[in-house]
Amino acid sequence: MKDFKLCATNIASLAVEIGRMVATGKSWRVTIVEWREKRSLSQNALQHSVYTELSKYLISKGRKGWTPKKVKFEMKNNFLGWEQTECTNVHTGEITIKETLKSTSGLDKGESYHYTTHILDFAQGIGCTIRIPAKCDYRDLMERQIN
């Protein structure tokens, strides 16, 4: 089981699923966090558009090699950070902990909004103006913050 939205109406389903998992004889890591919707496709598309615009701007200012991929890496490095990830050596089975760059795919809507805001603030601070489409989830969330 990867994600399960727990609410009052489906607690019995959770009990059944936990019973199945425990019956396998394995141990399980259980984390309970407040449910938040994952970032939207609109938020993802905007982020990639911002990486591209920022890349063009930085290259025009002499930063060679700042492709959208590099911009994404550096924005994640500066504004999302790193996390510890369990890695298994496929030959020996040895488990080690390594630092890996946090992924944007796991962000919820609020985290994605916050991350994009950091990038846009950075862009504005270096003189790069990035337009936000009139119809997108980021603008909707931004307007909710203002009102």
N, C-alpha and C. Protein backbone atom coordinates (compact mmCIF):
# COMPACT_ATOMS: atom_id res chain seq x y z
N MET A 1 0.86 -1.17 0.00
CA MET A 1 0.00 0.00 0.00
C MET A 1 0.90 1.23 0.00
N LYS A 2 0.66 2.15 -0.92
CA LYS A 2 1.47 3.34 -1.01
C LYS A 2 0.82 4.52 -0.30
N ASP A 3 -0.31 4.95 -0.80
CA ASP A 3 -1.06 6.05 -0.19
C ASP A 3 -2.47 5.59 0.14
N PHE A 4 -2.96 6.06 1.24
CA PHE A 4 -4.32 5.72 1.64
C PHE A 4 -4.91 6.95 2.30
N LYS A 5 -6.00 7.46 1.76
CA LYS A 5 -6.66 8.64 2.35
C LYS A 5 -7.62 8.15 3.43
N LEU A 6 -7.22 8.35 4.67
CA LEU A 6 -8.01 7.88 5.81
C LEU A 6 -9.03 8.93 6.22
N CYS A 7 -10.26 8.51 6.35
CA CYS A 7 -11.32 9.37 6.88
C CYS A 7 -12.29 8.47 7.64
N ALA A 8 -13.25 9.07 8.29
CA ALA A 8 -14.16 8.32 9.17
C ALA A 8 -14.90 7.21 8.43
N THR A 9 -15.17 7.39 7.16
CA THR A 9 -15.99 6.42 6.42
C THR A 9 -15.23 5.20 5.94
N ASN A 10 -13.90 5.21 5.98
CA ASN A 10 -13.17 4.06 5.43
C ASN A 10 -12.19 3.42 6.40
N ILE A 11 -12.37 3.64 7.68
CA ILE A 11 -11.45 3.08 8.67
C ILE A 11 -11.46 1.55 8.65
N ALA A 12 -12.58 0.94 8.35
CA ALA A 12 -12.65 -0.52 8.28
C ALA A 12 -11.78 -1.04 7.13
N SER A 13 -11.76 -0.34 6.01
CA SER A 13 -10.92 -0.73 4.86
C SER A 13 -9.44 -0.71 5.25
N LEU A 14 -9.07 0.29 6.04
CA LEU A 14 -7.68 0.37 6.49
C LEU A 14 -7.33 -0.83 7.37
N ALA A 15 -8.23 -1.20 8.26
CA ALA A 15 -7.99 -2.34 9.14
C ALA A 15 -7.79 -3.62 8.33
N VAL A 16 -8.57 -3.81 7.28
CA VAL A 16 -8.43 -4.99 6.41
C VAL A 16 -7.07 -4.97 5.72
N GLU A 17 -6.69 -3.81 5.21
CA GLU A 17 -5.41 -3.69 4.49
C GLU A 17 -4.24 -3.94 5.44
N ILE A 18 -4.30 -3.41 6.65
CA ILE A 18 -3.24 -3.64 7.64
C ILE A 18 -3.17 -5.13 7.98
N GLY A 19 -4.31 -5.77 8.11
CA GLY A 19 -4.34 -7.22 8.37
C GLY A 19 -3.61 -8.00 7.29
N ARG A 20 -3.85 -7.65 6.03
CA ARG A 20 -3.16 -8.31 4.90
C ARG A 20 -1.66 -8.09 4.96
N MET A 21 -1.26 -6.88 5.27
CA MET A 21 0.17 -6.55 5.31
C MET A 21 0.86 -7.32 6.44
N VAL A 22 0.28 -7.33 7.61
CA VAL A 22 0.86 -8.01 8.76
C VAL A 22 0.94 -9.52 8.51
N ALA A 23 -0.03 -10.07 7.80
CA ALA A 23 -0.06 -11.50 7.51
C ALA A 23 1.12 -11.96 6.65
N THR A 24 1.80 -11.02 5.98
CA THR A 24 2.95 -11.40 5.15
C THR A 24 4.17 -11.76 6.00
N GLY A 25 4.14 -11.39 7.28
CA GLY A 25 5.27 -11.67 8.16
C GLY A 25 6.36 -10.60 8.10
N LYS A 26 6.19 -9.63 7.23
CA LYS A 26 7.18 -8.56 7.11
C LYS A 26 6.91 -7.47 8.16
N SER A 27 7.93 -6.66 8.38
CA SER A 27 7.75 -5.47 9.22
C SER A 27 7.45 -4.30 8.30
N TRP A 28 6.70 -3.35 8.79
CA TRP A 28 6.28 -2.21 7.97
C TRP A 28 6.58 -0.90 8.66
N ARG A 29 6.99 0.09 7.88
CA ARG A 29 7.15 1.45 8.39
C ARG A 29 5.84 2.17 8.12
N VAL A 30 5.26 2.75 9.15
CA VAL A 30 3.98 3.43 9.01
C VAL A 30 4.18 4.89 9.39
N THR A 31 3.78 5.77 8.51
CA THR A 31 3.84 7.21 8.77
C THR A 31 2.46 7.78 8.53
N ILE A 32 1.98 8.54 9.47
CA ILE A 32 0.67 9.15 9.31
C ILE A 32 0.87 10.66 9.28
N VAL A 33 0.42 11.26 8.18
CA VAL A 33 0.50 12.71 8.01
C VAL A 33 -0.86 13.20 7.52
N GLU A 34 -1.12 14.46 7.75
CA GLU A 34 -2.38 15.03 7.27
C GLU A 34 -2.43 14.92 5.75
N TRP A 35 -3.58 14.54 5.22
CA TRP A 35 -3.75 14.37 3.78
C TRP A 35 -3.73 15.73 3.10
N ARG A 36 -2.92 15.84 2.07
CA ARG A 36 -2.88 17.03 1.23
C ARG A 36 -2.80 16.57 -0.21
N GLU A 37 -3.48 17.27 -1.08
CA GLU A 37 -3.49 16.88 -2.48
C GLU A 37 -2.10 17.10 -3.09
N LYS A 38 -1.69 16.17 -3.94
CA LYS A 38 -0.41 16.28 -4.63
C LYS A 38 -0.44 17.48 -5.56
N ARG A 39 0.73 17.95 -5.93
CA ARG A 39 0.79 19.08 -6.85
C ARG A 39 0.07 18.72 -8.14
N SER A 40 -0.43 19.72 -8.81
CA SER A 40 -1.22 19.49 -10.01
C SER A 40 -0.33 19.47 -11.26
N LEU A 41 -0.90 18.98 -12.35
CA LEU A 41 -0.18 19.01 -13.63
C LEU A 41 0.08 20.45 -14.05
N SER A 42 -0.86 21.34 -13.73
CA SER A 42 -0.69 22.76 -14.04
C SER A 42 0.53 23.32 -13.30
N GLN A 43 0.68 22.97 -12.02
CA GLN A 43 1.83 23.44 -11.25
C GLN A 43 3.12 22.88 -11.83
N ASN A 44 3.11 21.62 -12.22
CA ASN A 44 4.29 20.99 -12.81
C ASN A 44 4.66 21.68 -14.12
N ALA A 45 3.67 21.94 -14.97
CA ALA A 45 3.93 22.60 -16.25
C ALA A 45 4.50 23.99 -16.04
N LEU A 46 3.96 24.74 -15.07
CA LEU A 46 4.47 26.08 -14.80
C LEU A 46 5.92 26.01 -14.33
N GLN A 47 6.24 25.08 -13.44
CA GLN A 47 7.62 24.97 -12.97
C GLN A 47 8.57 24.75 -14.13
N HIS A 48 8.21 23.86 -15.04
CA HIS A 48 9.10 23.58 -16.17
C HIS A 48 9.20 24.77 -17.12
N SER A 49 8.12 25.53 -17.26
CA SER A 49 8.16 26.75 -18.05
C SER A 49 9.10 27.77 -17.40
N VAL A 50 9.04 27.86 -16.08
CA VAL A 50 9.91 28.79 -15.35
C VAL A 50 11.38 28.37 -15.50
N TYR A 51 11.67 27.07 -15.40
CA TYR A 51 13.05 26.61 -15.60
C TYR A 51 13.57 27.04 -16.97
N THR A 52 12.72 26.90 -17.99
CA THR A 52 13.12 27.25 -19.36
C THR A 52 13.36 28.74 -19.49
N GLU A 53 12.45 29.56 -18.97
CA GLU A 53 12.62 31.02 -19.05
C GLU A 53 13.85 31.48 -18.29
N LEU A 54 14.06 30.92 -17.13
CA LEU A 54 15.22 31.28 -16.31
C LEU A 54 16.51 30.85 -17.01
N SER A 55 16.49 29.69 -17.64
CA SER A 55 17.64 29.20 -18.40
C SER A 55 17.99 30.19 -19.51
N LYS A 56 17.00 30.59 -20.29
CA LYS A 56 17.24 31.55 -21.39
C LYS A 56 17.85 32.84 -20.86
N TYR A 57 17.30 33.33 -19.76
CA TYR A 57 17.78 34.58 -19.17
C TYR A 57 19.23 34.43 -18.70
N LEU A 58 19.52 33.37 -17.97
CA LEU A 58 20.88 33.18 -17.44
C LEU A 58 21.90 33.01 -18.56
N ILE A 59 21.54 32.28 -19.58
CA ILE A 59 22.45 32.10 -20.73
C ILE A 59 22.69 33.44 -21.41
N SER A 60 21.63 34.25 -21.54
CA SER A 60 21.79 35.57 -22.17
C SER A 60 22.69 36.49 -21.35
N LYS A 61 22.84 36.20 -20.07
CA LYS A 61 23.69 36.99 -19.19
C LYS A 61 25.08 36.37 -19.02
N GLY A 62 25.39 35.36 -19.85
CA GLY A 62 26.74 34.79 -19.85
C GLY A 62 26.94 33.52 -19.05
N ARG A 63 25.91 32.98 -18.47
CA ARG A 63 26.06 31.72 -17.71
C ARG A 63 25.90 30.54 -18.66
N LYS A 64 26.99 30.16 -19.27
CA LYS A 64 26.96 29.06 -20.23
C LYS A 64 26.65 27.75 -19.51
N GLY A 65 25.91 26.90 -20.19
CA GLY A 65 25.60 25.58 -19.63
C GLY A 65 24.40 25.55 -18.70
N TRP A 66 23.75 26.68 -18.51
CA TRP A 66 22.60 26.71 -17.61
C TRP A 66 21.34 26.30 -18.38
N THR A 67 21.30 25.03 -18.71
CA THR A 67 20.15 24.46 -19.40
C THR A 67 18.97 24.41 -18.43
N PRO A 68 17.75 24.20 -18.94
CA PRO A 68 16.62 24.03 -18.02
C PRO A 68 16.87 22.92 -17.00
N LYS A 69 17.56 21.87 -17.41
CA LYS A 69 17.85 20.77 -16.49
C LYS A 69 18.76 21.24 -15.35
N LYS A 70 19.78 22.04 -15.69
CA LYS A 70 20.68 22.56 -14.65
C LYS A 70 19.95 23.55 -13.75
N VAL A 71 19.12 24.39 -14.36
CA VAL A 71 18.33 25.35 -13.56
C VAL A 71 17.47 24.59 -12.56
N LYS A 72 16.79 23.53 -13.02
CA LYS A 72 15.95 22.73 -12.13
C LYS A 72 16.77 22.15 -10.99
N PHE A 73 17.93 21.58 -11.31
CA PHE A 73 18.79 21.00 -10.28
C PHE A 73 19.17 22.07 -9.25
N GLU A 74 19.61 23.22 -9.71
CA GLU A 74 20.07 24.27 -8.79
C GLU A 74 18.92 24.87 -7.98
N MET A 75 17.75 24.99 -8.58
CA MET A 75 16.61 25.50 -7.82
C MET A 75 16.22 24.50 -6.73
N LYS A 76 16.19 23.22 -7.08
CA LYS A 76 15.89 22.21 -6.07
C LYS A 76 16.96 22.21 -4.98
N ASN A 77 18.22 22.32 -5.37
CA ASN A 77 19.33 22.33 -4.42
C ASN A 77 19.18 23.50 -3.44
N ASN A 78 18.82 24.66 -3.95
CA ASN A 78 18.73 25.85 -3.09
C ASN A 78 17.42 25.97 -2.33
N PHE A 79 16.31 25.52 -2.90
CA PHE A 79 15.02 25.79 -2.29
C PHE A 79 14.29 24.56 -1.74
N LEU A 80 14.68 23.36 -2.16
CA LEU A 80 14.08 22.14 -1.60
C LEU A 80 15.04 21.42 -0.68
N GLY A 81 16.29 21.35 -1.09
CA GLY A 81 17.30 20.71 -0.27
C GLY A 81 17.42 19.21 -0.51
N TRP A 82 18.04 18.55 0.44
CA TRP A 82 18.42 17.15 0.32
C TRP A 82 17.74 16.35 1.42
N GLU A 83 17.59 15.06 1.17
CA GLU A 83 16.99 14.18 2.17
C GLU A 83 17.77 12.87 2.21
N GLN A 84 17.61 12.15 3.29
CA GLN A 84 18.28 10.86 3.41
C GLN A 84 17.44 9.78 2.74
N THR A 85 18.10 8.98 1.91
CA THR A 85 17.42 7.92 1.18
C THR A 85 18.12 6.60 1.44
N GLU A 86 17.33 5.57 1.70
CA GLU A 86 17.87 4.22 1.92
C GLU A 86 18.18 3.60 0.56
N CYS A 87 19.43 3.16 0.37
CA CYS A 87 19.86 2.54 -0.89
C CYS A 87 20.38 1.13 -0.59
N THR A 88 20.06 0.19 -1.48
CA THR A 88 20.49 -1.19 -1.30
C THR A 88 21.47 -1.57 -2.40
N ASN A 89 22.62 -2.09 -2.01
CA ASN A 89 23.59 -2.59 -2.97
C ASN A 89 23.01 -3.86 -3.59
N VAL A 90 22.84 -3.86 -4.92
CA VAL A 90 22.18 -4.99 -5.57
C VAL A 90 23.00 -6.27 -5.51
N HIS A 91 24.30 -6.17 -5.31
CA HIS A 91 25.16 -7.35 -5.26
C HIS A 91 25.24 -7.95 -3.85
N THR A 92 25.37 -7.07 -2.85
CA THR A 92 25.58 -7.57 -1.49
C THR A 92 24.34 -7.50 -0.61
N GLY A 93 23.37 -6.69 -1.01
CA GLY A 93 22.18 -6.50 -0.17
C GLY A 93 22.39 -5.49 0.94
N GLU A 94 23.61 -4.94 1.03
CA GLU A 94 23.92 -3.97 2.08
C GLU A 94 23.07 -2.71 1.89
N ILE A 95 22.50 -2.24 2.98
CA ILE A 95 21.69 -1.03 2.94
C ILE A 95 22.51 0.12 3.50
N THR A 96 22.55 1.21 2.75
CA THR A 96 23.24 2.42 3.19
C THR A 96 22.29 3.60 3.07
N ILE A 97 22.62 4.65 3.77
CA ILE A 97 21.84 5.89 3.71
C ILE A 97 22.67 6.90 2.93
N LYS A 98 22.04 7.49 1.90
CA LYS A 98 22.72 8.50 1.08
C LYS A 98 21.86 9.75 1.02
N GLU A 99 22.54 10.87 0.85
CA GLU A 99 21.83 12.13 0.66
C GLU A 99 21.43 12.23 -0.81
N THR A 100 20.15 12.48 -1.06
CA THR A 100 19.67 12.66 -2.43
C THR A 100 18.88 13.96 -2.50
N LEU A 101 18.93 14.58 -3.67
CA LEU A 101 18.20 15.82 -3.89
C LEU A 101 16.71 15.54 -3.81
N LYS A 102 16.01 16.35 -3.06
CA LYS A 102 14.57 16.17 -2.89
C LYS A 102 13.87 16.30 -4.25
N SER A 103 12.88 15.49 -4.46
CA SER A 103 12.15 15.47 -5.73
C SER A 103 10.94 16.39 -5.69
N THR A 104 10.65 17.05 -6.80
CA THR A 104 9.46 17.89 -6.86
C THR A 104 8.19 17.05 -7.02
N SER A 105 8.33 15.82 -7.49
CA SER A 105 7.14 15.00 -7.76
C SER A 105 6.38 14.64 -6.48
N GLY A 106 7.03 14.67 -5.34
CA GLY A 106 6.36 14.34 -4.08
C GLY A 106 5.75 15.53 -3.37
N LEU A 107 5.87 16.71 -3.96
CA LEU A 107 5.34 17.90 -3.29
C LEU A 107 3.83 17.93 -3.35
N ASP A 108 3.21 18.43 -2.28
CA ASP A 108 1.77 18.65 -2.34
C ASP A 108 1.53 20.03 -2.94
N LYS A 109 0.27 20.40 -3.10
CA LYS A 109 -0.06 21.68 -3.76
C LYS A 109 0.57 22.87 -3.04
N GLY A 110 0.49 22.88 -1.72
CA GLY A 110 1.04 23.99 -0.95
C GLY A 110 2.55 24.05 -1.04
N GLU A 111 3.22 22.91 -0.92
CA GLU A 111 4.68 22.88 -1.02
C GLU A 111 5.14 23.31 -2.41
N SER A 112 4.42 22.88 -3.43
CA SER A 112 4.75 23.24 -4.79
C SER A 112 4.59 24.75 -5.00
N TYR A 113 3.52 25.31 -4.46
CA TYR A 113 3.30 26.75 -4.53
C TYR A 113 4.45 27.50 -3.86
N HIS A 114 4.83 27.06 -2.68
CA HIS A 114 5.90 27.69 -1.92
C HIS A 114 7.23 27.62 -2.69
N TYR A 115 7.54 26.45 -3.24
CA TYR A 115 8.77 26.24 -4.01
C TYR A 115 8.80 27.16 -5.24
N THR A 116 7.69 27.20 -5.98
CA THR A 116 7.63 28.04 -7.18
C THR A 116 7.78 29.51 -6.81
N THR A 117 7.20 29.92 -5.69
CA THR A 117 7.33 31.30 -5.23
C THR A 117 8.79 31.65 -4.97
N HIS A 118 9.54 30.74 -4.35
CA HIS A 118 10.98 30.96 -4.13
C HIS A 118 11.71 31.18 -5.45
N ILE A 119 11.39 30.34 -6.44
CA ILE A 119 12.06 30.46 -7.74
C ILE A 119 11.72 31.80 -8.39
N LEU A 120 10.43 32.17 -8.37
CA LEU A 120 10.02 33.43 -8.98
C LEU A 120 10.64 34.63 -8.27
N ASP A 121 10.75 34.56 -6.95
CA ASP A 121 11.41 35.63 -6.19
C ASP A 121 12.88 35.74 -6.58
N PHE A 122 13.53 34.58 -6.71
CA PHE A 122 14.94 34.57 -7.14
C PHE A 122 15.06 35.20 -8.53
N ALA A 123 14.20 34.78 -9.46
CA ALA A 123 14.24 35.30 -10.83
C ALA A 123 14.06 36.82 -10.83
N GLN A 124 13.08 37.29 -10.10
CA GLN A 124 12.84 38.73 -10.04
C GLN A 124 14.04 39.46 -9.45
N GLY A 125 14.66 38.86 -8.45
CA GLY A 125 15.82 39.47 -7.81
C GLY A 125 17.02 39.64 -8.72
N ILE A 126 17.11 38.82 -9.77
CA ILE A 126 18.23 38.97 -10.71
C ILE A 126 17.80 39.68 -11.99
N GLY A 127 16.56 40.20 -12.00
CA GLY A 127 16.08 40.98 -13.14
C GLY A 127 15.37 40.19 -14.21
N CYS A 128 15.03 38.95 -13.94
CA CYS A 128 14.34 38.09 -14.91
C CYS A 128 12.84 38.11 -14.60
N THR A 129 12.08 38.68 -15.51
CA THR A 129 10.63 38.75 -15.31
C THR A 129 9.98 37.53 -15.95
N ILE A 130 9.22 36.81 -15.15
CA ILE A 130 8.52 35.62 -15.64
C ILE A 130 7.03 35.86 -15.46
N ARG A 131 6.30 35.73 -16.57
CA ARG A 131 4.86 35.96 -16.53
C ARG A 131 4.14 34.69 -16.06
N ILE A 132 3.15 34.89 -15.22
CA ILE A 132 2.31 33.79 -14.74
C ILE A 132 1.03 33.80 -15.55
N PRO A 133 0.68 32.69 -16.18
CA PRO A 133 -0.56 32.65 -16.96
C PRO A 133 -1.78 33.02 -16.13
N ALA A 134 -2.76 33.64 -16.79
CA ALA A 134 -3.98 34.06 -16.09
C ALA A 134 -4.75 32.86 -15.55
N LYS A 135 -4.71 31.76 -16.27
CA LYS A 135 -5.44 30.55 -15.87
C LYS A 135 -4.44 29.45 -15.53
N CYS A 136 -4.09 29.35 -14.26
CA CYS A 136 -3.25 28.24 -13.80
C CYS A 136 -3.44 28.08 -12.30
N ASP A 137 -3.12 26.91 -11.81
CA ASP A 137 -3.29 26.64 -10.38
C ASP A 137 -2.45 27.56 -9.50
N TYR A 138 -1.24 27.90 -9.97
CA TYR A 138 -0.37 28.77 -9.18
C TYR A 138 -1.06 30.12 -8.94
N ARG A 139 -1.62 30.71 -10.02
CA ARG A 139 -2.30 32.01 -9.87
C ARG A 139 -3.51 31.88 -8.94
N ASP A 140 -4.27 30.79 -9.09
CA ASP A 140 -5.43 30.58 -8.21
C ASP A 140 -5.00 30.54 -6.74
N LEU A 141 -3.93 29.81 -6.46
CA LEU A 141 -3.43 29.72 -5.08
C LEU A 141 -2.90 31.07 -4.61
N MET A 142 -2.23 31.79 -5.50
CA MET A 142 -1.68 33.10 -5.17
C MET A 142 -2.82 34.06 -4.80
N GLU A 143 -3.89 34.03 -5.58
CA GLU A 143 -5.02 34.92 -5.31
C GLU A 143 -5.73 34.56 -4.01
N ARG A 144 -5.77 33.26 -3.68
CA ARG A 144 -6.36 32.84 -2.40
C ARG A 144 -5.53 33.37 -1.23
N GLN A 145 -4.20 33.45 -1.42
CA GLN A 145 -3.34 33.96 -0.35
C GLN A 145 -3.60 35.43 -0.11
N ILE A 146 -3.88 36.17 -1.19
CA ILE A 146 -4.10 37.61 -1.09
C ILE A 146 -5.45 37.91 -0.45
N ASN A 147 -6.46 37.15 -0.80
CA ASN A 147 -7.83 37.43 -0.31
C ASN A 147 -8.06 36.89 1.07
